[in-house]
N, C-alpha and C. Protein backbone atom coordinates (compact mmCIF):
# COMPACT_ATOMS: atom_id res chain seq x y z
N MET A 1 26.03 -5.88 -18.24
CA MET A 1 24.62 -5.80 -18.59
C MET A 1 23.77 -6.12 -17.37
N GLU A 2 22.68 -5.39 -17.19
CA GLU A 2 21.79 -5.58 -16.07
C GLU A 2 20.99 -6.85 -16.24
N LYS A 3 20.70 -7.50 -15.12
CA LYS A 3 19.83 -8.67 -15.20
C LYS A 3 18.39 -8.20 -15.31
N TYR A 4 17.58 -8.96 -16.02
CA TYR A 4 16.19 -8.57 -16.24
C TYR A 4 15.32 -9.81 -16.17
N SER A 5 14.16 -9.67 -15.55
CA SER A 5 13.20 -10.76 -15.45
C SER A 5 11.85 -10.23 -15.94
N TYR A 6 11.16 -11.03 -16.73
CA TYR A 6 9.84 -10.62 -17.20
C TYR A 6 8.88 -10.40 -16.03
N LEU A 7 8.99 -11.23 -15.01
CA LEU A 7 8.07 -11.15 -13.89
C LEU A 7 8.42 -10.04 -12.90
N LEU A 8 9.70 -9.87 -12.59
CA LEU A 8 10.11 -8.93 -11.54
C LEU A 8 10.81 -7.68 -12.04
N GLY A 9 11.12 -7.61 -13.30
CA GLY A 9 11.83 -6.45 -13.82
C GLY A 9 13.31 -6.53 -13.49
N TYR A 10 13.86 -5.45 -12.92
CA TYR A 10 15.29 -5.37 -12.65
C TYR A 10 15.70 -5.81 -11.25
N VAL A 11 14.77 -6.30 -10.46
CA VAL A 11 15.11 -6.72 -9.09
C VAL A 11 14.94 -8.22 -8.95
N ASP A 12 15.68 -8.79 -7.99
CA ASP A 12 15.53 -10.22 -7.76
C ASP A 12 14.36 -10.46 -6.79
N LEU A 13 14.02 -11.72 -6.60
CA LEU A 13 12.86 -12.08 -5.80
C LEU A 13 12.99 -11.58 -4.36
N ASN A 14 14.17 -11.76 -3.74
CA ASN A 14 14.34 -11.32 -2.35
C ASN A 14 14.10 -9.82 -2.20
N MET A 15 14.66 -9.05 -3.10
CA MET A 15 14.48 -7.61 -3.01
C MET A 15 13.02 -7.23 -3.25
N PHE A 16 12.37 -7.88 -4.19
CA PHE A 16 10.96 -7.60 -4.46
C PHE A 16 10.11 -7.88 -3.22
N LEU A 17 10.41 -8.98 -2.52
CA LEU A 17 9.66 -9.32 -1.31
C LEU A 17 9.91 -8.30 -0.20
N VAL A 18 11.16 -7.83 -0.07
CA VAL A 18 11.45 -6.80 0.93
C VAL A 18 10.72 -5.50 0.58
N MET A 19 10.68 -5.16 -0.70
CA MET A 19 9.94 -3.96 -1.11
C MET A 19 8.45 -4.12 -0.80
N LEU A 20 7.91 -5.31 -1.01
CA LEU A 20 6.51 -5.54 -0.65
C LEU A 20 6.30 -5.37 0.85
N LEU A 21 7.26 -5.85 1.65
CA LEU A 21 7.16 -5.67 3.10
C LEU A 21 7.09 -4.19 3.46
N PHE A 22 7.98 -3.39 2.88
CA PHE A 22 7.96 -1.95 3.16
C PHE A 22 6.66 -1.31 2.66
N ALA A 23 6.17 -1.74 1.52
CA ALA A 23 4.92 -1.21 0.99
C ALA A 23 3.76 -1.56 1.92
N PHE A 24 3.73 -2.79 2.43
CA PHE A 24 2.66 -3.17 3.35
C PHE A 24 2.78 -2.45 4.68
N LEU A 25 4.00 -2.11 5.10
CA LEU A 25 4.16 -1.26 6.28
C LEU A 25 3.55 0.11 6.02
N GLY A 26 3.74 0.63 4.82
CA GLY A 26 3.13 1.90 4.44
C GLY A 26 1.61 1.82 4.46
N ILE A 27 1.07 0.71 3.96
CA ILE A 27 -0.38 0.51 3.99
C ILE A 27 -0.87 0.47 5.44
N ALA A 28 -0.14 -0.23 6.32
CA ALA A 28 -0.53 -0.33 7.73
C ALA A 28 -0.52 1.04 8.40
N VAL A 29 0.51 1.83 8.14
CA VAL A 29 0.58 3.19 8.70
C VAL A 29 -0.62 4.01 8.22
N SER A 30 -0.93 3.91 6.95
CA SER A 30 -2.06 4.64 6.38
C SER A 30 -3.37 4.24 7.05
N LEU A 31 -3.58 2.94 7.24
CA LEU A 31 -4.80 2.46 7.87
C LEU A 31 -4.90 2.94 9.32
N LEU A 32 -3.78 2.90 10.03
CA LEU A 32 -3.80 3.34 11.43
C LEU A 32 -4.06 4.85 11.53
N ILE A 33 -3.50 5.61 10.61
CA ILE A 33 -3.78 7.06 10.59
C ILE A 33 -5.27 7.28 10.33
N ASP A 34 -5.83 6.57 9.37
CA ASP A 34 -7.24 6.73 9.03
C ASP A 34 -8.15 6.26 10.18
N SER A 35 -7.72 5.23 10.91
CA SER A 35 -8.55 4.71 12.00
C SER A 35 -8.66 5.71 13.16
N GLN A 36 -7.71 6.62 13.27
CA GLN A 36 -7.77 7.62 14.34
C GLN A 36 -8.90 8.63 14.11
N LYS A 37 -9.43 8.67 12.90
CA LYS A 37 -10.50 9.62 12.58
C LYS A 37 -11.89 9.05 12.87
N ARG A 38 -11.96 7.80 13.30
CA ARG A 38 -13.26 7.17 13.51
C ARG A 38 -13.98 7.80 14.70
N ASP A 39 -15.29 7.63 14.73
CA ASP A 39 -16.11 8.15 15.81
C ASP A 39 -16.46 6.99 16.74
N PRO A 40 -15.83 6.91 17.92
CA PRO A 40 -16.10 5.78 18.83
C PRO A 40 -17.55 5.72 19.30
N SER A 41 -18.26 6.84 19.27
CA SER A 41 -19.65 6.84 19.73
C SER A 41 -20.63 6.41 18.64
N SER A 42 -20.15 6.22 17.42
CA SER A 42 -21.01 5.80 16.32
C SER A 42 -21.45 4.35 16.52
N LYS A 43 -22.69 4.06 16.11
CA LYS A 43 -23.18 2.68 16.22
C LYS A 43 -22.52 1.77 15.19
N ASN A 44 -21.86 2.36 14.19
CA ASN A 44 -21.24 1.57 13.13
C ASN A 44 -19.79 1.19 13.41
N THR A 45 -19.23 1.66 14.50
CA THR A 45 -17.85 1.31 14.85
C THR A 45 -17.79 0.86 16.30
N PRO A 46 -16.84 -0.01 16.62
CA PRO A 46 -16.71 -0.43 18.02
C PRO A 46 -16.20 0.72 18.89
N GLU A 47 -16.53 0.67 20.19
CA GLU A 47 -16.07 1.73 21.10
C GLU A 47 -14.55 1.74 21.21
N LYS A 48 -13.96 0.56 21.35
CA LYS A 48 -12.51 0.44 21.46
C LYS A 48 -11.94 0.00 20.12
N PHE A 49 -10.69 0.37 19.90
CA PHE A 49 -10.02 -0.01 18.65
C PHE A 49 -10.01 -1.53 18.51
N SER A 50 -10.31 -2.01 17.31
CA SER A 50 -10.31 -3.44 17.02
C SER A 50 -9.60 -3.68 15.69
N LEU A 51 -8.48 -4.41 15.75
CA LEU A 51 -7.74 -4.73 14.53
C LEU A 51 -8.61 -5.57 13.59
N LYS A 52 -9.37 -6.49 14.16
CA LYS A 52 -10.26 -7.33 13.35
C LYS A 52 -11.27 -6.46 12.59
N PHE A 53 -11.86 -5.50 13.27
CA PHE A 53 -12.82 -4.60 12.62
C PHE A 53 -12.13 -3.76 11.55
N LEU A 54 -10.93 -3.26 11.85
CA LEU A 54 -10.18 -2.44 10.89
C LEU A 54 -9.93 -3.21 9.60
N LEU A 55 -9.49 -4.46 9.73
CA LEU A 55 -9.20 -5.28 8.54
C LEU A 55 -10.48 -5.64 7.80
N LYS A 56 -11.52 -6.01 8.55
CA LYS A 56 -12.80 -6.38 7.94
C LYS A 56 -13.43 -5.19 7.21
N ASP A 57 -13.30 -4.00 7.79
CA ASP A 57 -13.91 -2.80 7.23
C ASP A 57 -13.13 -2.26 6.03
N ASN A 58 -11.86 -2.63 5.91
CA ASN A 58 -11.01 -2.08 4.85
C ASN A 58 -10.43 -3.13 3.92
N TRP A 59 -10.96 -4.34 3.90
CA TRP A 59 -10.33 -5.41 3.13
C TRP A 59 -10.31 -5.11 1.63
N ARG A 60 -11.33 -4.47 1.12
CA ARG A 60 -11.34 -4.15 -0.31
C ARG A 60 -10.27 -3.11 -0.64
N THR A 61 -10.16 -2.10 0.20
CA THR A 61 -9.13 -1.08 -0.01
C THR A 61 -7.74 -1.70 0.09
N ILE A 62 -7.54 -2.57 1.07
CA ILE A 62 -6.24 -3.24 1.25
C ILE A 62 -5.91 -4.08 0.03
N ALA A 63 -6.88 -4.85 -0.46
CA ALA A 63 -6.65 -5.72 -1.62
C ALA A 63 -6.32 -4.89 -2.87
N LEU A 64 -7.08 -3.83 -3.11
CA LEU A 64 -6.82 -3.00 -4.29
C LEU A 64 -5.47 -2.29 -4.17
N THR A 65 -5.15 -1.80 -2.97
CA THR A 65 -3.85 -1.16 -2.76
C THR A 65 -2.73 -2.16 -3.01
N ALA A 66 -2.88 -3.39 -2.52
CA ALA A 66 -1.85 -4.41 -2.71
C ALA A 66 -1.61 -4.67 -4.20
N LEU A 67 -2.67 -4.78 -4.97
CA LEU A 67 -2.51 -5.00 -6.41
C LEU A 67 -1.82 -3.82 -7.09
N ILE A 68 -2.23 -2.61 -6.73
CA ILE A 68 -1.60 -1.41 -7.30
C ILE A 68 -0.13 -1.34 -6.91
N VAL A 69 0.18 -1.67 -5.66
CA VAL A 69 1.56 -1.65 -5.18
C VAL A 69 2.42 -2.64 -5.95
N ILE A 70 1.93 -3.86 -6.11
CA ILE A 70 2.69 -4.88 -6.84
C ILE A 70 3.00 -4.42 -8.25
N LEU A 71 2.00 -3.88 -8.94
CA LEU A 71 2.21 -3.40 -10.31
C LEU A 71 3.14 -2.19 -10.35
N THR A 72 2.99 -1.28 -9.41
CA THR A 72 3.85 -0.10 -9.38
C THR A 72 5.30 -0.48 -9.12
N LEU A 73 5.52 -1.39 -8.17
CA LEU A 73 6.90 -1.82 -7.88
C LEU A 73 7.50 -2.55 -9.08
N ARG A 74 6.70 -3.35 -9.74
CA ARG A 74 7.20 -4.08 -10.90
C ARG A 74 7.62 -3.12 -12.02
N PHE A 75 6.82 -2.10 -12.24
CA PHE A 75 7.08 -1.18 -13.35
C PHE A 75 7.68 0.15 -12.90
N ALA A 76 8.32 0.18 -11.74
CA ALA A 76 8.87 1.43 -11.19
C ALA A 76 9.86 2.09 -12.13
N THR A 77 10.68 1.30 -12.80
CA THR A 77 11.68 1.91 -13.70
C THR A 77 11.02 2.59 -14.90
N SER A 78 9.83 2.14 -15.27
CA SER A 78 9.10 2.78 -16.37
C SER A 78 8.28 3.98 -15.89
N PHE A 79 7.65 3.82 -14.70
CA PHE A 79 6.81 4.89 -14.16
C PHE A 79 7.63 6.10 -13.73
N PHE A 80 8.81 5.84 -13.17
CA PHE A 80 9.66 6.90 -12.62
C PHE A 80 11.05 6.86 -13.25
N PRO A 81 11.16 7.13 -14.54
CA PRO A 81 12.48 7.06 -15.18
C PRO A 81 13.42 8.09 -14.55
N GLY A 82 14.64 7.68 -14.31
CA GLY A 82 15.61 8.56 -13.68
C GLY A 82 15.61 8.47 -12.17
N GLN A 83 14.48 8.04 -11.58
CA GLN A 83 14.42 7.88 -10.13
C GLN A 83 14.86 6.48 -9.72
N PHE A 84 14.40 5.49 -10.45
CA PHE A 84 14.73 4.10 -10.14
C PHE A 84 15.33 3.47 -11.38
N ALA A 85 16.59 3.13 -11.29
CA ALA A 85 17.26 2.44 -12.38
C ALA A 85 17.65 1.06 -11.90
N GLY A 86 17.76 0.13 -12.81
CA GLY A 86 18.10 -1.24 -12.44
C GLY A 86 19.43 -1.35 -11.75
N ASP A 87 20.39 -0.48 -12.07
CA ASP A 87 21.71 -0.57 -11.45
C ASP A 87 21.75 0.10 -10.07
N ASP A 88 20.66 0.74 -9.64
CA ASP A 88 20.61 1.34 -8.30
C ASP A 88 20.77 0.32 -7.19
N THR A 89 20.44 -0.92 -7.48
CA THR A 89 20.48 -1.95 -6.44
C THR A 89 21.90 -2.37 -6.10
N ALA A 90 22.89 -1.85 -6.79
CA ALA A 90 24.28 -2.22 -6.54
C ALA A 90 24.89 -1.43 -5.38
N THR A 91 24.24 -0.37 -4.93
CA THR A 91 24.78 0.45 -3.84
C THR A 91 23.78 0.50 -2.70
N PRO A 92 24.28 0.68 -1.45
CA PRO A 92 23.36 0.82 -0.31
C PRO A 92 22.40 2.00 -0.47
N GLU A 93 22.90 3.11 -1.03
CA GLU A 93 22.04 4.27 -1.23
C GLU A 93 20.93 3.97 -2.24
N GLY A 94 21.27 3.22 -3.26
CA GLY A 94 20.28 2.83 -4.25
C GLY A 94 19.21 1.92 -3.66
N LEU A 95 19.65 0.98 -2.81
CA LEU A 95 18.69 0.10 -2.15
C LEU A 95 17.74 0.89 -1.26
N GLU A 96 18.31 1.84 -0.51
CA GLU A 96 17.47 2.67 0.37
C GLU A 96 16.43 3.43 -0.44
N LYS A 97 16.82 3.91 -1.60
CA LYS A 97 15.88 4.64 -2.46
C LYS A 97 14.73 3.73 -2.89
N TRP A 98 15.04 2.50 -3.26
CA TRP A 98 14.00 1.55 -3.65
C TRP A 98 13.09 1.22 -2.47
N PHE A 99 13.68 0.96 -1.29
CA PHE A 99 12.88 0.58 -0.12
C PHE A 99 12.00 1.73 0.35
N PHE A 100 12.56 2.95 0.39
CA PHE A 100 11.75 4.10 0.79
C PHE A 100 10.66 4.37 -0.24
N GLY A 101 10.99 4.20 -1.50
CA GLY A 101 9.98 4.36 -2.55
C GLY A 101 8.83 3.38 -2.37
N ALA A 102 9.14 2.15 -1.99
CA ALA A 102 8.09 1.14 -1.76
C ALA A 102 7.21 1.55 -0.58
N LEU A 103 7.82 2.06 0.48
CA LEU A 103 7.06 2.52 1.65
C LEU A 103 6.11 3.66 1.25
N VAL A 104 6.62 4.61 0.50
CA VAL A 104 5.81 5.76 0.06
C VAL A 104 4.69 5.32 -0.87
N VAL A 105 4.97 4.36 -1.74
CA VAL A 105 3.95 3.85 -2.65
C VAL A 105 2.80 3.22 -1.85
N GLY A 106 3.12 2.38 -0.87
CA GLY A 106 2.08 1.76 -0.05
C GLY A 106 1.27 2.79 0.72
N LEU A 107 1.96 3.72 1.35
CA LEU A 107 1.31 4.77 2.13
C LEU A 107 0.47 5.68 1.23
N GLY A 108 1.05 6.11 0.14
CA GLY A 108 0.37 7.06 -0.75
C GLY A 108 -0.85 6.48 -1.43
N PHE A 109 -0.72 5.30 -2.00
CA PHE A 109 -1.87 4.72 -2.70
C PHE A 109 -3.00 4.41 -1.73
N ASN A 110 -2.67 3.94 -0.52
CA ASN A 110 -3.74 3.65 0.42
C ASN A 110 -4.44 4.92 0.85
N GLN A 111 -3.69 6.00 1.07
CA GLN A 111 -4.32 7.28 1.42
C GLN A 111 -5.23 7.77 0.29
N LEU A 112 -4.76 7.64 -0.95
CA LEU A 112 -5.59 8.03 -2.09
C LEU A 112 -6.88 7.22 -2.16
N LEU A 113 -6.77 5.91 -1.93
CA LEU A 113 -7.97 5.07 -1.97
C LEU A 113 -8.91 5.37 -0.81
N GLN A 114 -8.35 5.73 0.36
CA GLN A 114 -9.21 6.11 1.49
C GLN A 114 -10.01 7.37 1.14
N LEU A 115 -9.38 8.32 0.46
CA LEU A 115 -10.10 9.52 0.02
C LEU A 115 -11.12 9.18 -1.06
N TRP A 116 -10.72 8.33 -1.99
CA TRP A 116 -11.59 7.94 -3.09
C TRP A 116 -12.81 7.19 -2.58
N LYS A 117 -12.63 6.41 -1.51
CA LYS A 117 -13.72 5.63 -0.93
C LYS A 117 -14.86 6.54 -0.46
N LYS A 118 -14.54 7.76 -0.11
CA LYS A 118 -15.55 8.70 0.40
C LYS A 118 -16.36 9.36 -0.71
N THR A 119 -15.98 9.11 -1.97
CA THR A 119 -16.72 9.68 -3.10
C THR A 119 -17.75 8.67 -3.60
N ARG A 120 -18.65 9.14 -4.43
CA ARG A 120 -19.66 8.24 -5.00
C ARG A 120 -19.01 7.21 -5.92
N VAL A 121 -18.01 7.62 -6.67
CA VAL A 121 -17.33 6.72 -7.60
C VAL A 121 -16.61 5.60 -6.85
N GLY A 122 -16.02 5.93 -5.71
CA GLY A 122 -15.27 4.93 -4.95
C GLY A 122 -16.09 4.19 -3.92
N SER A 123 -17.40 4.34 -3.97
CA SER A 123 -18.26 3.71 -2.95
C SER A 123 -18.20 2.19 -2.97
N PHE A 124 -17.75 1.59 -4.08
CA PHE A 124 -17.65 0.13 -4.14
C PHE A 124 -16.61 -0.40 -3.15
N LEU A 125 -15.74 0.46 -2.65
CA LEU A 125 -14.73 0.04 -1.69
C LEU A 125 -15.29 -0.07 -0.27
N LYS A 126 -16.47 0.51 -0.05
CA LYS A 126 -17.07 0.47 1.29
C LYS A 126 -17.64 -0.92 1.56
N VAL A 127 -17.54 -1.31 2.82
CA VAL A 127 -18.07 -2.60 3.26
C VAL A 127 -19.31 -2.32 4.10
N LYS A 128 -20.35 -3.12 3.90
CA LYS A 128 -21.57 -2.94 4.70
C LYS A 128 -21.27 -3.33 6.14
N ARG A 129 -21.69 -2.47 7.05
CA ARG A 129 -21.44 -2.69 8.48
C ARG A 129 -22.71 -3.11 9.19
N GLU A 130 -22.50 -3.88 10.25
CA GLU A 130 -23.63 -4.29 11.09
C GLU A 130 -23.34 -3.87 12.52
N ASN A 131 -23.69 -2.65 12.86
CA ASN A 131 -23.53 -2.13 14.22
C ASN A 131 -22.16 -2.40 14.82
N GLY A 132 -21.12 -2.00 14.15
CA GLY A 132 -19.76 -2.09 14.68
C GLY A 132 -19.18 -3.48 14.69
N LYS A 133 -19.73 -4.38 13.89
CA LYS A 133 -19.21 -5.76 13.85
C LYS A 133 -18.48 -5.99 12.57
């Protein structure tokens, strides 16, 4: 019989934390891809890349993506039946599927929120800027 936890589902804490790491790597890749589209000559962005500005300008998107990622990873076996089963963690191939899935979830949800942020409905994700600060 598979082990099950109300909090983590079919994975143990260590695996859940590793999946979060891969998901946050996906979020980071998404943010860096999006940052390449910025206009360095704009008064609202710094001339040179600034990690501090990137995080400050996207903190709402990062926070919402993190919450969505945590919930998606927790309920992955329900959201994607047949793709992620609790017994997949018994094989290296199964682990890779879970870890890659976590990376894609982080990357995908952050990209979706970046697009949504540009709409009127998603405008609450925008942060007020003060001349590139």
